Protein backbone atom coordinates (compact mmCIF):
# COMPACT_ATOMS: atom_id res chain seq x y z
CA UNK A 1 0.01 -0.06 -0.08
CA UNK A 2 2.44 1.84 0.83
CA UNK A 3 5.50 3.88 0.08
CA UNK A 4 6.52 1.50 -2.66
CA UNK A 5 7.52 3.48 -5.64
CA UNK A 6 10.98 5.09 -5.83
CA UNK A 7 11.70 3.62 -2.32
CA UNK A 8 13.79 0.60 -3.55
CA UNK A 9 16.41 1.01 -6.32
CA UNK A 10 15.92 -2.34 -7.56
CA UNK A 11 12.28 -2.07 -7.94
CA UNK A 12 12.55 1.20 -9.74
CA UNK A 13 15.06 -0.14 -12.00
CA UNK A 14 12.83 -3.18 -12.89
CA UNK A 15 9.80 -0.95 -13.64
CA UNK A 16 11.96 1.29 -16.05
CA UNK A 17 13.52 -1.81 -17.74
CA UNK A 18 10.26 -3.57 -18.32
CA UNK A 19 8.50 -0.41 -19.59
CA UNK A 20 11.36 0.40 -22.01
CA UNK A 21 11.13 -3.04 -23.58
CA UNK A 22 7.44 -3.43 -23.84
CA UNK A 23 5.95 -0.11 -24.33
CA UNK A 24 5.98 2.90 -26.71
CA UNK A 25 6.33 6.29 -25.24
CA UNK A 26 2.72 7.42 -24.23
CA UNK A 27 2.55 10.98 -23.27
CA UNK A 28 -0.15 11.78 -20.70
CA UNK A 29 -1.57 15.08 -19.30
CA UNK A 30 -2.18 15.86 -15.63
CA UNK A 31 -5.17 17.59 -14.98
CA UNK A 32 -6.82 19.27 -11.87
CA UNK A 33 -10.34 18.59 -10.72
CA UNK A 34 -12.03 21.07 -8.13
CA UNK A 35 -14.99 20.60 -5.83
CA UNK A 36 -16.27 23.88 -4.58
CA UNK A 37 -17.86 22.52 -1.47
CA UNK A 38 -17.27 18.96 -0.22
CA UNK A 39 -18.31 17.37 2.92
CA UNK A 40 -16.25 14.58 4.45
CA UNK A 41 -17.74 11.38 5.95
CA UNK A 42 -17.40 12.68 9.45
CA UNK A 43 -19.42 15.63 8.52
CA UNK A 44 -16.78 18.37 7.99
CA UNK A 45 -17.12 20.80 5.24
CA UNK A 46 -14.33 21.81 2.99
CA UNK A 47 -14.29 24.52 0.35
CA UNK A 48 -12.09 24.51 -2.80
CA UNK A 49 -11.08 20.67 -2.63
CA UNK A 50 -8.52 20.18 -5.40
CA UNK A 51 -7.31 16.77 -6.80
CA UNK A 52 -5.08 15.91 -9.72
CA UNK A 53 -6.03 13.31 -12.30
CA UNK A 54 -5.01 11.66 -15.57
CA UNK A 55 -6.40 9.52 -18.27
CA UNK A 56 -5.41 7.26 -21.29
CA UNK A 57 -7.55 5.94 -24.00
CA UNK A 58 -11.01 7.25 -25.32
CA UNK A 59 -14.36 7.29 -23.55
CA UNK A 60 -16.86 5.58 -25.81
CA UNK A 61 -20.16 7.20 -26.76
CA UNK A 62 -22.21 5.40 -24.23
CA UNK A 63 -19.40 5.84 -21.51
CA UNK A 64 -19.49 2.27 -20.83
CA UNK A 65 -15.79 1.39 -21.27
CA UNK A 66 -14.45 3.38 -18.18
CA UNK A 67 -11.73 1.73 -15.81
CA UNK A 68 -10.84 3.54 -12.67
CA UNK A 69 -7.36 2.74 -11.35
CA UNK A 70 -7.05 4.05 -7.62
CA UNK A 71 -3.58 4.45 -6.63
CA UNK A 72 -1.48 2.91 -3.61
CA UNK A 73 -0.24 4.54 -0.53
CA UNK A 74 2.74 6.49 -1.70
CA UNK A 75 1.60 6.93 -5.26
CA UNK A 76 -0.42 9.40 -7.11
CA UNK A 77 -2.65 9.27 -10.27
CA UNK A 78 0.41 8.78 -12.49
CA UNK A 79 -0.47 5.09 -13.38
CA UNK A 80 1.26 4.89 -16.87
CA UNK A 81 2.65 6.88 -19.62
CA UNK A 82 5.17 9.97 -19.22
CA UNK A 83 4.42 13.49 -18.78
CA UNK A 84 7.33 14.35 -21.12
CA UNK A 85 9.51 12.15 -23.43
CA UNK A 86 12.51 13.06 -21.11
CA UNK A 87 10.87 11.66 -17.98
CA UNK A 88 13.17 9.27 -16.41
CA UNK A 89 10.42 6.73 -15.87
CA UNK A 90 6.84 6.17 -16.73
CA UNK A 91 3.88 5.64 -14.33
CA UNK A 92 4.05 2.92 -11.82
CA UNK A 93 1.89 0.32 -13.72
CA UNK A 94 3.08 1.24 -17.23
CA UNK A 95 3.85 -2.48 -17.72
CA UNK A 96 0.21 -3.44 -17.36
CA UNK A 97 -1.69 -0.35 -18.73
CA UNK A 98 -1.35 0.95 -22.27
CA UNK A 99 -2.13 0.10 -25.98
CA UNK A 100 -2.46 -3.81 -26.31
CA UNK A 101 -1.53 -4.55 -22.55
CA UNK A 102 -3.52 -6.07 -19.86
CA UNK A 103 -5.54 -3.06 -19.28
CA UNK A 104 -5.71 -2.02 -22.99
CA UNK A 105 -6.18 1.70 -23.52
CA UNK A 106 -7.15 0.96 -27.20
CA UNK A 107 -10.34 -0.62 -25.72
CA UNK A 108 -10.71 1.02 -22.43
CA UNK A 109 -10.74 4.58 -21.14
CA UNK A 110 -8.54 4.40 -18.09
CA UNK A 111 -8.28 7.14 -15.41
CA UNK A 112 -6.84 7.84 -11.88
CA UNK A 113 -7.36 10.54 -9.34
CA UNK A 114 -4.89 11.82 -6.80
CA UNK A 115 -6.04 11.01 -3.35
CA UNK A 116 -6.97 13.60 -0.66
CA UNK A 117 -3.94 13.97 1.76
CA UNK A 118 -1.79 12.51 -0.91
CA UNK A 119 1.87 11.90 0.27
CA UNK A 120 3.63 13.47 -2.69
CA UNK A 121 3.25 17.27 -1.91
CA UNK A 122 6.64 18.05 -3.12
CA UNK A 123 6.95 16.37 -6.38
CA UNK A 124 5.46 19.07 -8.57
CA UNK A 125 2.95 16.93 -10.21
CA UNK A 126 0.68 15.97 -7.40
CA UNK A 127 -2.49 17.97 -6.85
CA UNK A 128 -4.20 17.26 -3.40
CA UNK A 129 -5.94 19.02 -0.66
CA UNK A 130 -4.67 18.01 2.92
CA UNK A 131 -3.15 19.41 6.03
CA UNK A 132 -0.24 21.04 4.09
CA UNK A 133 -3.01 23.06 1.93
CA UNK A 134 -4.04 26.53 2.61
CA UNK A 135 -7.21 26.94 4.66
CA UNK A 136 -9.40 29.36 2.67
CA UNK A 137 -10.89 30.55 5.97
CA UNK A 138 -7.56 31.35 7.76
CA UNK A 139 -4.95 31.82 4.85
CA UNK A 140 -2.62 29.40 6.83
CA UNK A 141 -2.12 25.75 6.35
CA UNK A 142 -4.76 23.53 7.70
CA UNK A 143 -2.20 21.49 9.98
CA UNK A 144 -4.20 19.39 12.50
CA UNK A 145 -7.51 21.34 11.82
CA UNK A 146 -7.74 19.27 8.63
CA UNK A 147 -10.54 16.55 9.22
CA UNK A 148 -9.76 12.99 9.56
CA UNK A 149 -10.40 11.37 6.15
CA UNK A 150 -11.02 7.70 5.21
CA UNK A 151 -10.88 5.39 2.21
CA UNK A 152 -14.49 6.14 1.70
CA UNK A 153 -13.66 9.80 1.44
CA UNK A 154 -11.25 9.10 -1.28
CA UNK A 155 -13.93 7.08 -3.07
CA UNK A 156 -16.30 10.16 -2.76
CA UNK A 157 -13.96 12.43 -4.39
CA UNK A 158 -13.39 10.03 -7.19
CA UNK A 159 -17.17 9.75 -7.68
CA UNK A 160 -17.25 13.41 -8.05
CA UNK A 161 -14.84 12.98 -11.05
CA UNK A 162 -16.74 10.13 -12.31
CA UNK A 163 -19.97 12.00 -12.35
CA UNK A 164 -18.43 15.00 -14.05
CA UNK A 165 -17.48 12.59 -17.01
CA UNK A 166 -21.00 11.41 -17.24
CA UNK A 167 -20.05 7.86 -16.35
CA UNK A 168 -22.98 6.06 -14.55
CA UNK A 169 -21.19 2.48 -14.46
CA UNK A 170 -17.56 1.68 -14.31
CA UNK A 171 -16.42 -1.30 -16.47
CA UNK A 172 -13.95 -2.17 -13.52
CA UNK A 173 -12.27 -0.71 -10.64
CA UNK A 174 -8.54 -1.93 -10.56
CA UNK A 175 -6.08 -0.92 -7.82
CA UNK A 176 -3.00 -2.11 -5.96
CA UNK A 177 -2.60 -2.15 -2.07
CA UNK A 178 -4.50 0.99 -0.97
CA UNK A 179 -5.82 1.08 -4.53
CA UNK A 180 -7.25 -2.40 -3.76
CA UNK A 181 -8.82 -0.95 -0.61
CA UNK A 182 -10.39 1.69 -2.68
CA UNK A 183 -11.57 -0.88 -5.47
CA UNK A 184 -13.45 -2.75 -2.75
CA UNK A 185 -14.74 0.45 -1.08
CA UNK A 186 -16.18 1.35 -4.43
CA UNK A 187 -17.76 -2.10 -4.83
CA UNK A 188 -19.39 -1.95 -1.44
CA UNK A 189 -20.45 1.58 -1.48
CA UNK A 190 -21.67 1.95 -5.12
CA UNK A 191 -22.67 -1.50 -6.15
CA UNK A 192 -24.79 -0.54 -8.95
CA UNK A 193 -21.84 1.41 -10.38
CA UNK A 194 -19.05 -1.26 -10.26
CA UNK A 195 -19.29 -4.28 -12.72
CA UNK A 196 -15.83 -5.66 -11.89
CA UNK A 197 -13.54 -5.24 -9.04
CA UNK A 198 -9.81 -6.16 -9.22
CA UNK A 199 -7.97 -5.73 -5.89
CA UNK A 200 -4.23 -6.39 -6.30
CA UNK A 201 -2.03 -6.99 -3.05
CA UNK A 202 -5.04 -5.89 -0.84
CA UNK A 203 -7.32 -7.13 1.94
CA UNK A 204 -10.93 -7.60 2.36
CA UNK A 205 -11.03 -6.05 5.89
CA UNK A 206 -8.67 -4.02 8.22
CA UNK A 207 -7.99 -6.07 11.20
CA UNK A 208 -6.49 -4.79 14.46
CA UNK A 209 -3.10 -6.45 13.92
CA UNK A 210 -2.73 -4.44 10.76
CA UNK A 211 -4.11 -1.22 12.34
CA UNK A 212 -1.40 -1.60 14.90
CA UNK A 213 1.29 -1.93 12.28
CA UNK A 214 0.06 1.16 10.59
CA UNK A 215 0.18 2.96 13.88
CA UNK A 216 3.84 2.04 14.22
CA UNK A 217 4.36 3.53 10.51
CA UNK A 218 3.34 6.86 11.93
CA UNK A 219 5.04 6.53 15.25
CA UNK A 220 8.49 8.07 14.31
CA UNK A 221 6.71 11.26 12.98
CA UNK A 222 4.53 11.47 16.12
CA UNK A 223 7.67 11.49 18.35
CA UNK A 224 9.89 13.77 16.24
CA UNK A 225 10.03 17.33 18.33
CA UNK A 226 9.19 19.19 15.15
CA UNK A 227 5.79 17.38 14.85
CA UNK A 228 4.07 19.86 17.15
CA UNK A 229 0.88 18.07 16.95
CA UNK A 230 0.74 18.53 13.17
CA UNK A 231 1.00 22.29 13.26
CA UNK A 232 4.65 22.60 12.06
CA UNK A 233 4.03 24.04 8.41
CA UNK A 234 5.92 27.19 8.13
CA UNK A 235 8.48 26.04 10.52
CA UNK A 236 10.98 23.07 10.77
CA UNK A 237 9.35 19.97 9.40
CA UNK A 238 9.59 16.61 11.36
CA UNK A 239 12.05 15.42 8.74
CA UNK A 240 13.79 12.91 10.76
CA UNK A 241 10.68 11.19 11.88
CA UNK A 242 9.51 11.15 8.23
CA UNK A 243 12.60 9.59 7.01
CA UNK A 244 12.37 6.80 9.81
CA UNK A 245 8.75 6.15 9.08
CA UNK A 246 9.57 5.80 5.29
CA UNK A 247 12.38 3.28 6.16
CA UNK A 248 10.00 1.32 8.09
CA UNK A 249 7.29 1.26 5.41
CA UNK A 250 9.88 0.32 2.83
CA UNK A 251 10.97 -2.72 4.48
CA UNK A 252 7.41 -3.84 5.59
CA UNK A 253 6.60 -3.55 2.05
CA UNK A 254 9.28 -6.16 1.05
CA UNK A 255 10.09 -9.65 2.22
CA UNK A 256 13.19 -11.26 3.80
CA UNK A 257 14.68 -12.67 0.51
CA UNK A 258 14.84 -9.16 -0.95
CA UNK A 259 16.60 -7.62 1.99
CA UNK A 260 19.01 -10.79 2.43
CA UNK A 261 19.90 -10.40 -1.35
CA UNK A 262 20.50 -6.70 -1.31
CA UNK A 263 22.19 -6.48 1.80
CA UNK A 264 24.13 -9.78 1.42
CA UNK A 265 25.18 -9.50 5.11
CA UNK A 266 27.67 -6.93 4.34
CA UNK A 267 28.89 -3.71 6.03
CA UNK A 268 28.04 -0.30 4.25
CA UNK A 269 31.01 0.72 1.98
CA UNK A 270 33.93 2.07 4.20
CA UNK A 271 32.16 1.08 7.47
CA UNK A 272 32.52 -1.60 10.13
CA UNK A 273 29.40 -2.05 12.42
CA UNK A 274 31.64 -3.94 14.96
CA UNK A 275 33.60 -0.73 15.66
CA UNK A 276 30.84 1.81 16.36
CA UNK A 277 26.99 2.06 16.63
CA UNK A 278 27.14 4.97 14.10
CA UNK A 279 28.68 2.58 11.38
CA UNK A 280 26.06 0.66 9.49
CA UNK A 281 25.23 -2.60 7.68
CA UNK A 282 24.65 -2.33 4.04
CA UNK A 283 20.89 -2.89 4.26
CA UNK A 284 20.69 -0.18 6.88
CA UNK A 285 22.46 2.25 4.51
CA UNK A 286 20.08 1.09 1.71
CA UNK A 287 17.00 2.03 3.90
CA UNK A 288 18.44 5.24 5.07
CA UNK A 289 18.97 6.43 1.46
CA UNK A 290 15.44 5.36 0.33
CA UNK A 291 13.78 6.96 3.30
CA UNK A 292 15.55 10.36 2.90
CA UNK A 293 14.98 10.24 -0.96
CA UNK A 294 11.25 9.76 -0.57
CA UNK A 295 11.13 12.19 2.28
CA UNK A 296 12.35 14.95 0.15
CA UNK A 297 9.13 15.06 -1.75
CA UNK A 298 6.77 14.02 0.93
CA UNK A 299 4.85 15.69 3.82
CA UNK A 300 4.97 14.07 7.34
CA UNK A 301 1.24 15.15 8.21
CA UNK A 302 -0.05 13.73 4.93
CA UNK A 303 1.59 10.51 5.89
CA UNK A 304 -0.12 10.29 9.28
CA UNK A 305 -3.41 11.09 7.74
CA UNK A 306 -3.06 8.42 5.16
CA UNK A 307 -2.34 5.83 7.82
CA UNK A 308 -5.59 6.84 9.62
CA UNK A 309 -7.41 6.60 6.35
CA UNK A 310 -6.24 3.13 5.82
CA UNK A 311 -7.07 2.21 9.41
CA UNK A 312 -10.67 3.21 8.73
CA UNK A 313 -11.18 0.88 5.71
CA UNK A 314 -14.79 -0.24 5.75
CA UNK A 315 -15.25 1.03 9.19
CA UNK A 316 -18.72 2.26 8.51
CA UNK A 317 -20.02 -1.38 8.55
CA UNK A 318 -20.39 -3.71 11.50
CA UNK A 319 -18.78 -6.77 9.79
CA UNK A 320 -17.09 -7.88 6.81
CA UNK A 321 -20.16 -9.91 5.87
CA UNK A 322 -22.46 -7.00 6.09
CA UNK A 323 -20.18 -4.80 3.98
CA UNK A 324 -19.77 -7.33 1.12
CA UNK A 325 -23.45 -8.29 1.15
CA UNK A 326 -24.09 -5.05 -0.71
CA UNK A 327 -21.49 -5.91 -3.59
CA UNK A 328 -22.78 -7.24 -6.89
CA UNK A 329 -19.53 -6.80 -8.86
CA UNK A 330 -17.53 -9.86 -10.26
CA UNK A 331 -14.03 -10.13 -8.44
CA UNK A 332 -10.62 -10.92 -9.54
CA UNK A 333 -8.44 -10.98 -6.31
CA UNK A 334 -4.74 -11.16 -6.80
CA UNK A 335 -2.50 -11.14 -3.57
CA UNK A 336 1.36 -11.41 -3.71
CA UNK A 337 2.63 -14.98 -2.42
CA UNK A 338 5.39 -13.60 -0.23
CA UNK A 339 3.48 -10.46 1.04
CA UNK A 340 3.89 -10.00 4.81
CA UNK A 341 1.81 -6.65 5.00
CA UNK A 342 -1.36 -8.11 3.67
CA UNK A 343 -0.65 -11.86 3.44
CA UNK A 344 -2.39 -13.97 0.99
CA UNK A 345 -4.59 -15.49 3.58
CA UNK A 346 -6.36 -12.10 4.05
CA UNK A 347 -7.18 -12.25 0.39
CA UNK A 348 -8.31 -15.70 0.60
CA UNK A 349 -10.61 -15.01 3.34
CA UNK A 350 -12.33 -12.44 1.23
CA UNK A 351 -12.60 -14.76 -1.78
CA UNK A 352 -14.13 -17.39 0.46
CA UNK A 353 -16.68 -14.91 1.83
CA UNK A 354 -17.76 -13.55 -1.62
CA UNK A 355 -18.21 -17.25 -2.75
CA UNK A 356 -20.32 -18.10 0.28
CA UNK A 357 -22.41 -14.93 -0.72
CA UNK A 358 -22.91 -16.11 -4.13
CA UNK A 359 -20.56 -13.80 -6.05
CA UNK A 360 -18.43 -14.56 -9.14
CA UNK A 361 -14.77 -14.66 -7.77
CA UNK A 362 -11.44 -15.50 -9.43
CA UNK A 363 -8.44 -15.82 -7.28
CA UNK A 364 -4.63 -16.10 -8.15
CA UNK A 365 -1.38 -15.35 -6.26
CA UNK A 366 1.45 -13.47 -7.81
CA UNK A 367 4.44 -15.66 -7.45
CA UNK A 368 7.57 -14.01 -6.28
CA UNK A 369 9.85 -13.29 -3.29
CA UNK A 370 9.83 -9.59 -3.15
CA UNK A 371 7.04 -9.04 -0.73
CA UNK A 372 4.13 -6.58 -1.11
CA UNK A 373 5.67 -4.74 -3.91
CA UNK A 374 5.58 -7.54 -6.32
CA UNK A 375 2.05 -6.26 -7.18
CA UNK A 376 3.63 -3.28 -8.67
CA UNK A 377 6.88 -4.32 -10.27
CA UNK A 378 8.02 -7.16 -12.59
CA UNK A 379 6.23 -10.19 -10.95
CA UNK A 380 2.68 -8.67 -11.47
CA UNK A 381 3.29 -9.35 -15.21
CA UNK A 382 2.78 -13.18 -14.32
CA UNK A 383 -0.90 -12.45 -13.91
CA UNK A 384 -1.29 -9.90 -16.67
CA UNK A 385 -3.19 -12.43 -18.93
CA UNK A 386 -5.55 -13.08 -16.01
CA UNK A 387 -6.25 -9.53 -15.65
CA UNK A 388 -6.79 -8.82 -19.45
CA UNK A 389 -9.06 -12.01 -19.73
CA UNK A 390 -11.17 -10.87 -16.84
CA UNK A 391 -11.64 -7.53 -18.08
CA UNK A 392 -12.39 -8.57 -21.61
CA UNK A 393 -14.82 -11.22 -20.58
């Protein structure tokens, strides 16, 4: 879900290599969508909500070929293509989305929307309203006066974009990690609008064990002296806490074989961990670099708000059974075999429940040893044919 893209050099290089070999240079445009007045699920009114979005393909005459691709925790709406031919890398799922690919933009109109409280406030491309945004009532950043938002809030903003396009029914909602949670929230919240749901590396419910892990993701930020209860904007940011949080998330989104291969049980170059606590093992130095690099374009408060949004997944329902009893979509559920964040058993439990409720369900695991990120890097291509067939059936 979660701080995946650009956090591991190996993953980033894999995505670039695959994209260069299988795709042409698709140029996409980032657009902005504004909602004059929006009320969050907890009843807070927000004025001038803005989010970014992008699309590929052409919407057909009856607007029946639309596929929404909600993004994962650390991503934005840049799911495929490049904004300019000189961009170093395409969008994170470029290997799956484009002309003739698993999600075929010659056939489907594919679009995505930056989430509220998006992490990437400093990347120059993300458009999002959140605690770092200016509150029009005060002229200052919202800080901790920004309301708590949930996965359902992300869906409601996406629905406003969907409605503006005149789309009454989505051919599919397909997303990875936090995007999978949004796909499922769509299927439950608007069953008449979702024909197919494809949750990749997701889970059918947020259990307390996972909520506790998410709490630990935010903990380094909350204990940073510069956090100041989320009201640090305009002063020193909790950069150390943000870097440590992103290191933790990076490792949690991986698996032991990835770390053991990358670190290779070695000391960082020119260091000896046996001589001083300040000298590091190679895996520690790699995580330090990943966290610092990601932290330079991220906002700490937005990360904390994203954590709470994920903890609140489907929290409006008293049980998993009650929530999914509302859904009518067909489902293709695709966990990663080596995922320790959302283990396959969590997806299997969802598939079993949906089958008991009489839904049409397909299930397959993404082979690999890379952990959670196998759903957005090379291993996901092993289920590309399953995705293509499911969407075109």
